[in-house]
Protein backbone atom coordinates (compact mmCIF):
# COMPACT_ATOMS: atom_id res chain seq x y z
CA UNK A 1 96.82 104.57 90.27
CA UNK A 2 97.72 103.92 93.84
CA UNK A 3 95.53 105.18 96.75
CA UNK A 4 97.30 107.13 99.61
CA UNK A 5 95.08 107.45 102.81
CA UNK A 6 95.37 110.02 105.64
CA UNK A 7 92.29 112.13 104.82
CA UNK A 8 91.05 114.59 107.58
CA UNK A 9 87.77 116.34 107.42
CA UNK A 10 87.80 120.07 107.55
CA UNK A 11 84.89 122.65 107.31
CA UNK A 12 83.64 122.22 103.78
CA UNK A 13 86.68 120.25 102.73
CA UNK A 14 89.40 117.91 103.63
CA UNK A 15 93.13 117.84 104.36
CA UNK A 16 95.16 115.08 102.65
CA UNK A 17 98.51 114.32 104.36
CA UNK A 18 100.95 112.38 102.21
CA UNK A 19 103.80 110.79 104.15
CA UNK A 20 107.06 109.26 102.67
CA UNK A 21 106.69 111.57 99.67
CA UNK A 22 110.11 110.81 98.26
CA UNK A 23 109.25 107.21 97.99
CA UNK A 24 106.31 107.78 95.71
CA UNK A 25 107.22 106.13 92.31
CA UNK A 26 103.93 106.19 90.47
CA UNK A 27 102.91 108.93 88.03
CA UNK A 28 99.60 109.63 89.88
CA UNK A 29 98.19 108.99 93.31
CA UNK A 30 94.65 109.31 94.54
CA UNK A 31 93.26 110.17 98.00
CA UNK A 32 90.60 108.16 99.78
CA UNK A 33 87.09 109.01 98.77
CA UNK A 34 85.36 111.59 100.94
CA UNK A 35 81.82 113.01 101.07
CA UNK A 36 80.79 116.70 100.71
CA UNK A 37 77.02 117.48 100.46
CA UNK A 38 76.35 113.78 100.06
CA UNK A 39 78.60 113.70 96.94
CA UNK A 40 81.71 111.59 96.52
CA UNK A 41 85.03 113.17 95.76
CA UNK A 42 88.71 112.28 95.60
CA UNK A 43 91.95 114.33 95.07
CA UNK A 44 94.68 113.16 92.62
CA UNK A 45 98.27 114.41 92.51
CA UNK A 46 100.81 114.02 89.85
CA UNK A 47 104.14 114.40 91.70
CA UNK A 48 106.03 114.81 88.48
CA UNK A 49 103.35 116.71 86.54
CA UNK A 50 101.23 115.55 83.60
CA UNK A 51 100.92 116.42 79.91
CA UNK A 52 102.61 119.53 78.83
CA UNK A 53 103.58 120.27 82.45
CA UNK A 54 105.52 116.93 82.72
CA UNK A 55 108.82 117.22 84.82
CA UNK A 56 108.11 120.90 85.26
CA UNK A 57 104.98 121.54 87.27
CA UNK A 58 103.18 119.96 90.21
CA UNK A 59 99.66 118.88 88.97
CA UNK A 60 96.67 118.46 91.20
CA UNK A 61 92.97 117.60 90.37
CA UNK A 62 89.76 116.96 92.14
CA UNK A 63 87.23 114.36 90.72
CA UNK A 64 83.69 113.11 91.17
CA UNK A 65 84.60 109.79 92.59
CA UNK A 66 81.51 107.98 91.53
CA UNK A 67 81.04 109.43 88.11
CA UNK A 68 80.70 106.02 86.48
CA UNK A 69 77.81 105.09 88.59
CA UNK A 70 75.72 108.28 88.43
CA UNK A 71 72.59 108.43 86.39
CA UNK A 72 72.68 109.71 82.76
CA UNK A 73 72.39 113.49 82.59
CA UNK A 74 73.89 114.09 86.02
CA UNK A 75 75.74 117.34 86.77
CA UNK A 76 77.10 119.29 89.69
CA UNK A 77 77.70 122.99 89.88
CA UNK A 78 80.51 123.60 92.34
CA UNK A 79 82.96 126.18 93.73
CA UNK A 80 86.40 124.92 94.73
CA UNK A 81 89.73 125.88 96.07
CA UNK A 82 92.99 123.87 96.24
CA UNK A 83 96.00 124.61 98.40
CA UNK A 84 99.40 123.08 99.10
CA UNK A 85 100.28 123.93 102.69
CA UNK A 86 103.61 125.34 103.94
CA UNK A 87 104.75 123.63 107.23
CA UNK A 88 107.44 125.97 108.40
CA UNK A 89 106.88 128.43 111.30
CA UNK A 90 106.12 131.86 110.03
CA UNK A 91 106.20 130.86 106.37
CA UNK A 92 103.64 132.59 104.32
CA UNK A 93 104.32 130.98 100.99
CA UNK A 94 101.23 128.72 100.98
CA UNK A 95 100.05 128.36 97.36
CA UNK A 96 96.33 128.53 96.90
CA UNK A 97 93.99 128.69 93.88
CA UNK A 98 91.10 130.93 94.60
CA UNK A 99 87.40 129.92 94.62
CA UNK A 100 86.34 129.02 91.11
CA UNK A 101 82.96 127.87 89.70
CA UNK A 102 82.72 124.74 87.60
CA UNK A 103 79.96 122.57 86.14
CA UNK A 104 80.88 118.89 86.29
CA UNK A 105 79.08 116.25 84.32
CA UNK A 106 79.56 112.90 82.40
CA UNK A 107 81.98 114.52 79.87
CA UNK A 108 83.99 116.49 82.48
CA UNK A 109 83.98 114.83 85.90
CA UNK A 110 87.12 116.55 87.22
CA UNK A 111 88.94 119.73 87.44
CA UNK A 112 92.32 121.02 88.58
CA UNK A 113 95.67 122.41 87.53
CA UNK A 114 98.41 120.89 85.35
CA UNK A 115 100.55 123.83 86.39
CA UNK A 116 99.80 124.21 90.04
CA UNK A 117 103.39 125.34 90.93
CA UNK A 118 106.90 124.76 89.56
CA UNK A 119 108.52 121.62 90.90
CA UNK A 120 111.60 123.58 91.80
CA UNK A 121 109.60 125.59 94.21
CA UNK A 122 107.65 122.69 95.49
CA UNK A 123 110.79 120.75 96.39
CA UNK A 124 112.71 123.75 97.73
CA UNK A 125 113.34 123.11 101.49
CA UNK A 126 113.13 126.84 102.21
CA UNK A 127 109.45 126.89 100.93
CA UNK A 128 108.26 124.32 103.43
CA UNK A 129 105.90 122.38 101.19
CA UNK A 130 107.71 119.08 101.93
CA UNK A 131 108.77 118.77 105.53
CA UNK A 132 109.89 115.45 107.16
CA UNK A 133 109.16 113.88 103.83
CA UNK A 134 105.57 114.92 104.28
CA UNK A 135 103.27 116.89 101.94
CA UNK A 136 99.84 118.38 102.88
CA UNK A 137 97.12 119.25 100.43
CA UNK A 138 93.72 120.91 101.25
CA UNK A 139 90.59 121.16 99.13
CA UNK A 140 87.40 123.04 99.73
CA UNK A 141 84.30 122.19 97.75
CA UNK A 142 80.92 124.02 97.77
CA UNK A 143 78.07 122.24 96.05
CA UNK A 144 75.80 124.89 94.49
CA UNK A 145 73.40 122.56 92.58
CA UNK A 146 72.97 118.81 91.91
CA UNK A 147 71.00 117.19 89.09
CA UNK A 148 69.04 114.98 89.54
CA UNK A 149 67.84 116.65 92.69
CA UNK A 150 67.32 113.29 94.51
CA UNK A 151 70.90 112.16 93.76
CA UNK A 152 72.01 112.71 97.25
CA UNK A 153 69.03 110.68 98.66
CA UNK A 154 69.49 107.91 96.16
CA UNK A 155 73.23 107.79 97.02
CA UNK A 156 72.49 107.57 100.73
CA UNK A 157 70.16 104.61 100.05
CA UNK A 158 72.80 102.77 97.99
CA UNK A 159 76.43 103.33 98.89
CA UNK A 160 78.75 101.38 96.61
CA UNK A 161 82.29 100.30 96.02
CA UNK A 162 83.74 99.55 92.57
CA UNK A 163 86.77 97.36 92.56
CA UNK A 164 89.19 96.40 89.82
CA UNK A 165 91.22 93.15 90.15
CA UNK A 166 93.88 91.86 87.84
CA UNK A 167 91.40 89.60 86.03
CA UNK A 168 87.93 90.81 87.11
CA UNK A 169 85.67 93.60 88.40
CA UNK A 170 83.38 93.84 91.39
CA UNK A 171 80.51 96.20 92.31
CA UNK A 172 79.57 96.02 96.04
CA UNK A 173 76.31 97.75 97.00
CA UNK A 174 74.96 98.19 100.49
CA UNK A 175 71.44 96.81 100.49
CA UNK A 176 70.58 96.68 104.21
CA UNK A 177 66.97 96.98 105.20
CA UNK A 178 65.70 94.84 102.30
CA UNK A 179 63.97 91.62 103.08
CA UNK A 180 65.27 89.66 100.15
CA UNK A 181 66.15 89.52 96.43
CA UNK A 182 62.50 90.14 95.53
CA UNK A 183 63.00 93.84 96.73
CA UNK A 184 65.55 94.70 94.00
CA UNK A 185 66.59 94.10 90.44
CA UNK A 186 69.97 93.61 88.88
CA UNK A 187 70.12 94.24 85.03
CA UNK A 188 72.58 94.62 82.27
CA UNK A 189 71.43 97.51 80.11
CA UNK A 190 72.61 99.76 77.12
CA UNK A 191 73.66 96.74 75.13
CA UNK A 192 75.48 95.13 78.06
CA UNK A 193 77.48 98.31 78.62
CA UNK A 194 75.96 99.27 81.94
CA UNK A 195 74.74 97.67 85.21
CA UNK A 196 71.57 98.80 86.69
CA UNK A 197 70.53 98.15 90.30
CA UNK A 198 67.19 99.28 91.47
CA UNK A 199 64.70 98.57 94.11
CA UNK A 200 62.28 99.82 96.97
CA UNK A 201 63.36 100.09 100.58
CA UNK A 202 59.95 100.22 102.44
CA UNK A 203 59.28 101.18 106.03
CA UNK A 204 56.97 98.73 107.82
CA UNK A 205 53.78 100.09 109.08
CA UNK A 206 53.09 99.75 112.73
CA UNK A 207 49.75 100.48 114.24
CA UNK A 208 49.77 103.28 116.95
CA UNK A 209 53.41 104.28 116.40
CA UNK A 210 54.67 107.86 116.11
CA UNK A 211 58.26 108.74 115.32
CA UNK A 212 59.99 111.24 117.51
CA UNK A 213 63.11 110.85 115.08
CA UNK A 214 63.04 109.28 111.57
CA UNK A 215 66.58 109.29 110.06
CA UNK A 216 66.67 105.98 108.38
CA UNK A 217 66.07 106.56 104.70
CA UNK A 218 63.46 104.64 102.81
CA UNK A 219 62.09 104.87 99.36
CA UNK A 220 62.80 103.78 95.69
CA UNK A 221 66.47 103.85 94.58
CA UNK A 222 68.54 103.07 91.50
CA UNK A 223 72.24 103.13 90.66
CA UNK A 224 73.63 102.86 87.14
CA UNK A 225 77.27 101.74 86.71
CA UNK A 226 79.08 102.08 83.32
CA UNK A 227 81.00 98.92 82.58
CA UNK A 228 84.53 98.94 81.16
CA UNK A 229 85.20 98.01 77.61
CA UNK A 230 86.97 94.83 78.80
CA UNK A 231 84.12 93.58 81.03
CA UNK A 232 82.78 90.14 79.89
CA UNK A 233 78.94 90.29 80.23
CA UNK A 234 78.78 86.53 79.88
CA UNK A 235 80.64 86.03 83.13
CA UNK A 236 78.40 88.25 85.32
CA UNK A 237 77.27 86.78 88.64
CA UNK A 238 75.59 88.23 91.72
CA UNK A 239 75.51 87.22 95.37
CA UNK A 240 73.38 88.83 98.12
CA UNK A 241 74.07 88.05 101.78
CA UNK A 242 74.20 89.98 105.09
CA UNK A 243 72.75 93.12 103.46
CA UNK A 244 75.37 93.36 100.70
CA UNK A 245 75.01 92.78 97.08
CA UNK A 246 78.11 91.86 95.14
CA UNK A 247 78.09 91.76 91.40
CA UNK A 248 81.32 90.32 89.72
CA UNK A 249 82.47 89.85 86.21
CA UNK A 250 85.64 88.73 84.53
CA UNK A 251 87.83 90.80 82.17
CA UNK A 252 87.93 89.81 78.58
CA UNK A 253 91.14 88.11 77.63
CA UNK A 254 92.89 90.48 75.16
CA UNK A 255 94.94 87.54 73.78
CA UNK A 256 91.96 85.49 73.00
CA UNK A 257 89.58 87.13 70.40
CA UNK A 258 85.88 86.70 70.97
CA UNK A 259 84.31 84.52 68.43
CA UNK A 260 80.71 84.58 67.07
CA UNK A 261 78.89 81.66 65.58
CA UNK A 262 77.44 82.75 62.20
CA UNK A 263 74.79 80.72 60.40
CA UNK A 264 75.13 81.05 56.60
CA UNK A 265 72.00 80.55 54.68
CA UNK A 266 72.13 80.21 50.93
CA UNK A 267 71.92 77.97 47.96
CA UNK A 268 74.42 75.09 47.48
CA UNK A 269 76.66 75.49 44.37
């Protein structure tokens, strides 16, 4: 899945401008990650449709971008609206899907429409959805409830990037404000299927000091990242420098089966 930038913040949402649309060759494209109510989101578009709408309908979805790293039992109650914008003067054929309510969680981290609009209409020059080889998508998200309640604060304390390379994975976590490695822990948990990073960012006490403004966040934090099936736990390594923690691990080689030494105990014949 390729990432196409050009995200512009709007009130309660974003506008995603996709240029050189006719040159898109992949089945699915993702926007950059954006923040609404301290929660991470991204938009995905299937230019030729997906599933039973393949080659007939334009498909658009919105996802919780950091769903793999949220704590167990997380959920978000949201209202959302998606729109593809017409770009012709006085053209009123903008297609929108009205505000809908949705509960997102670990088993359903995205929503959207396989059949957003027919591809024939989407590509019709008279409709104005693609002008100068550019398409514009808008999304509005209203976050009604977040579980756990401190999820937003925990996220603000530990922003993270999760990267996939051809032969490895990397988790990069901002850890500024910590004095050293004794202020946080890095653990493999859930039978080596998840990475847990936790710690405590403490504010230094200063005698006689009063804060006129206190915006820097302090406190305990934790982030849990589900690891892919092909992550090799034996290869995990971590580096902490310049306020950034980087945890990396190799992918298992699918051509090389993993072997386990087994000790056989028994009587000789």
